[in-house]
Amino acid sequence: MSKYDKTREQTAKIVGEMFDNNINRDIWVNGIQGIDSILTMVMDRIDDGDTDGAKDDIRQLQSQLIENNVMI
C-alpha cells in the first residue's frame, strides 16, 4: 500500500467518525436514528409494498439532512 493510499484511508476513517459523531446521531425519522437504519426502514417498507410510507420516510430524511446542513 502506497503512502497516498494510507493517507486516503486514514482521512476516510476520520471523516466517517466525524460524520457519525456530529451528524448521523442527529438524524431521526419516525423514531429511527441514523442514516443506515433509516434506509433499512425504507427498504423494509418497499418490500412490504408500502411505497407511500417509503416516500414519506425519504422526504423526512431529506428534511433532516437539510436541517443538519448536509448537502444533498
C-alpha atoms as a PDB file:
ATOM      1  CA  MET A   1       0.000   0.000   0.000  1.00  0.00           C
ATOM      2  CA  SER A   2       1.412   3.360  -1.000  1.00  0.00           C
ATOM      3  CA  LYS A   3       1.759   6.364   1.277  1.00  0.00           C
ATOM      4  CA  TYR A   4      -1.079   8.025  -0.679  1.00  0.00           C
ATOM      5  CA  ASP A   5      -3.387   5.043  -0.081  1.00  0.00           C
ATOM      6  CA  LYS A   6      -2.629   5.051   3.651  1.00  0.00           C
ATOM      7  CA  THR A   7      -3.327   8.792   3.895  1.00  0.00           C
ATOM      8  CA  ARG A   8      -6.579   8.419   1.949  1.00  0.00           C
ATOM      9  CA  GLU A   9      -7.653   5.523   4.173  1.00  0.00           C
ATOM     10  CA  GLN A  10      -6.880   7.484   7.358  1.00  0.00           C
ATOM     11  CA  THR A  11      -8.723  10.556   6.052  1.00  0.00           C
ATOM     12  CA  ALA A  12     -11.797   8.486   5.140  1.00  0.00           C
ATOM     13  CA  LYS A  13     -11.825   6.979   8.635  1.00  0.00           C
ATOM     14  CA  ILE A  14     -11.573  10.401  10.301  1.00  0.00           C
ATOM     15  CA  VAL A  15     -14.311  11.900   8.108  1.00  0.00           C
ATOM     16  CA  GLY A  16     -16.552   8.893   8.763  1.00  0.00           C
ATOM     17  CA  GLU A  17     -16.085   9.218  12.518  1.00  0.00           C
ATOM     18  CA  MET A  18     -16.763  12.963  12.351  1.00  0.00           C
ATOM     19  CA  PHE A  19     -19.953  12.315  10.365  1.00  0.00           C
ATOM     20  CA  ASP A  20     -21.135   9.698  12.862  1.00  0.00           C
ATOM     21  CA  ASN A  21     -20.333  11.866  15.888  1.00  0.00           C
ATOM     22  CA  ASN A  22     -21.613  15.186  14.573  1.00  0.00           C
ATOM     23  CA  ILE A  23     -24.391  14.472  12.087  1.00  0.00           C
ATOM     24  CA  ASN A  24     -25.589  10.871  11.916  1.00  0.00           C
ATOM     25  CA  ARG A  25     -26.610  10.847  15.590  1.00  0.00           C
ATOM     26  CA  ASP A  26     -28.896  13.838  14.976  1.00  0.00           C
ATOM     27  CA  ILE A  27     -30.770  12.318  12.015  1.00  0.00           C
ATOM     28  CA  TRP A  28     -34.123  10.858  13.125  1.00  0.00           C
ATOM     29  CA  VAL A  29     -37.100   9.654  11.045  1.00  0.00           C
ATOM     30  CA  ASN A  30     -40.149   8.033  12.680  1.00  0.00           C
ATOM     31  CA  GLY A  31     -38.173   7.215  15.813  1.00  0.00           C
ATOM     32  CA  ILE A  32     -35.288   5.630  13.879  1.00  0.00           C
ATOM     33  CA  GLN A  33     -31.821   7.144  14.332  1.00  0.00           C
ATOM     34  CA  GLY A  34     -29.023   7.189  11.768  1.00  0.00           C
ATOM     35  CA  ILE A  35     -28.993   7.086   8.004  1.00  0.00           C
ATOM     36  CA  ASP A  36     -28.164   3.358   7.731  1.00  0.00           C
ATOM     37  CA  SER A  37     -31.095   2.389   9.952  1.00  0.00           C
ATOM     38  CA  ILE A  38     -33.441   4.805   8.191  1.00  0.00           C
ATOM     39  CA  LEU A  39     -32.511   3.407   4.783  1.00  0.00           C
ATOM     40  CA  THR A  40     -33.126  -0.118   6.080  1.00  0.00           C
ATOM     41  CA  MET A  41     -36.568   1.025   7.263  1.00  0.00           C
ATOM     42  CA  VAL A  42     -37.305   2.466   3.802  1.00  0.00           C
ATOM     43  CA  MET A  43     -36.253  -0.787   2.108  1.00  0.00           C
ATOM     44  CA  ASP A  44     -38.449  -2.776   4.512  1.00  0.00           C
ATOM     45  CA  ARG A  45     -41.432  -0.570   3.655  1.00  0.00           C
ATOM     46  CA  ILE A  46     -40.802  -1.111  -0.060  1.00  0.00           C
ATOM     47  CA  ASP A  47     -40.530  -4.872   0.465  1.00  0.00           C
ATOM     48  CA  ASP A  48     -43.854  -4.739   2.340  1.00  0.00           C
ATOM     49  CA  GLY A  49     -45.476  -2.840  -0.541  1.00  0.00           C
ATOM     50  CA  ASP A  50     -45.814   0.410   1.442  1.00  0.00           C
ATOM     51  CA  THR A  51     -44.408   2.723  -1.211  1.00  0.00           C
ATOM     52  CA  ASP A  52     -46.272   5.771   0.127  1.00  0.00           C
ATOM     53  CA  GLY A  53     -44.695   5.238   3.557  1.00  0.00           C
ATOM     54  CA  ALA A  54     -41.282   4.798   1.952  1.00  0.00           C
ATOM     55  CA  LYS A  55     -41.703   8.041   0.010  1.00  0.00           C
ATOM     56  CA  ASP A  56     -42.715   9.847   3.194  1.00  0.00           C
ATOM     57  CA  ASP A  57     -39.648   8.487   5.017  1.00  0.00           C
ATOM     58  CA  ILE A  58     -37.404   9.653   2.174  1.00  0.00           C
ATOM     59  CA  ARG A  59     -38.949  13.145   2.307  1.00  0.00           C
ATOM     60  CA  GLN A  60     -38.392  13.256   6.064  1.00  0.00           C
ATOM     61  CA  LEU A  61     -34.795  12.084   5.615  1.00  0.00           C
ATOM     62  CA  GLN A  62     -34.214  14.830   3.051  1.00  0.00           C
ATOM     63  CA  SER A  63     -35.562  17.410   5.517  1.00  0.00           C
ATOM     64  CA  GLN A  64     -33.366  16.071   8.307  1.00  0.00           C
ATOM     65  CA  LEU A  65     -30.277  16.223   6.101  1.00  0.00           C
ATOM     66  CA  ILE A  66     -31.053  19.825   5.133  1.00  0.00           C
ATOM     67  CA  GLU A  67     -31.680  20.783   8.776  1.00  0.00           C
ATOM     68  CA  ASN A  68     -28.275  19.297   9.664  1.00  0.00           C
ATOM     69  CA  ASN A  69     -26.521  21.151   6.832  1.00  0.00           C
ATOM     70  CA  VAL A  70     -25.726  18.024   4.841  1.00  0.00           C
ATOM     71  CA  MET A  71     -25.514  18.919   1.164  1.00  0.00           C
ATOM     72  CA  ILE A  72     -27.737  16.658  -0.940  1.00  0.00           C
END
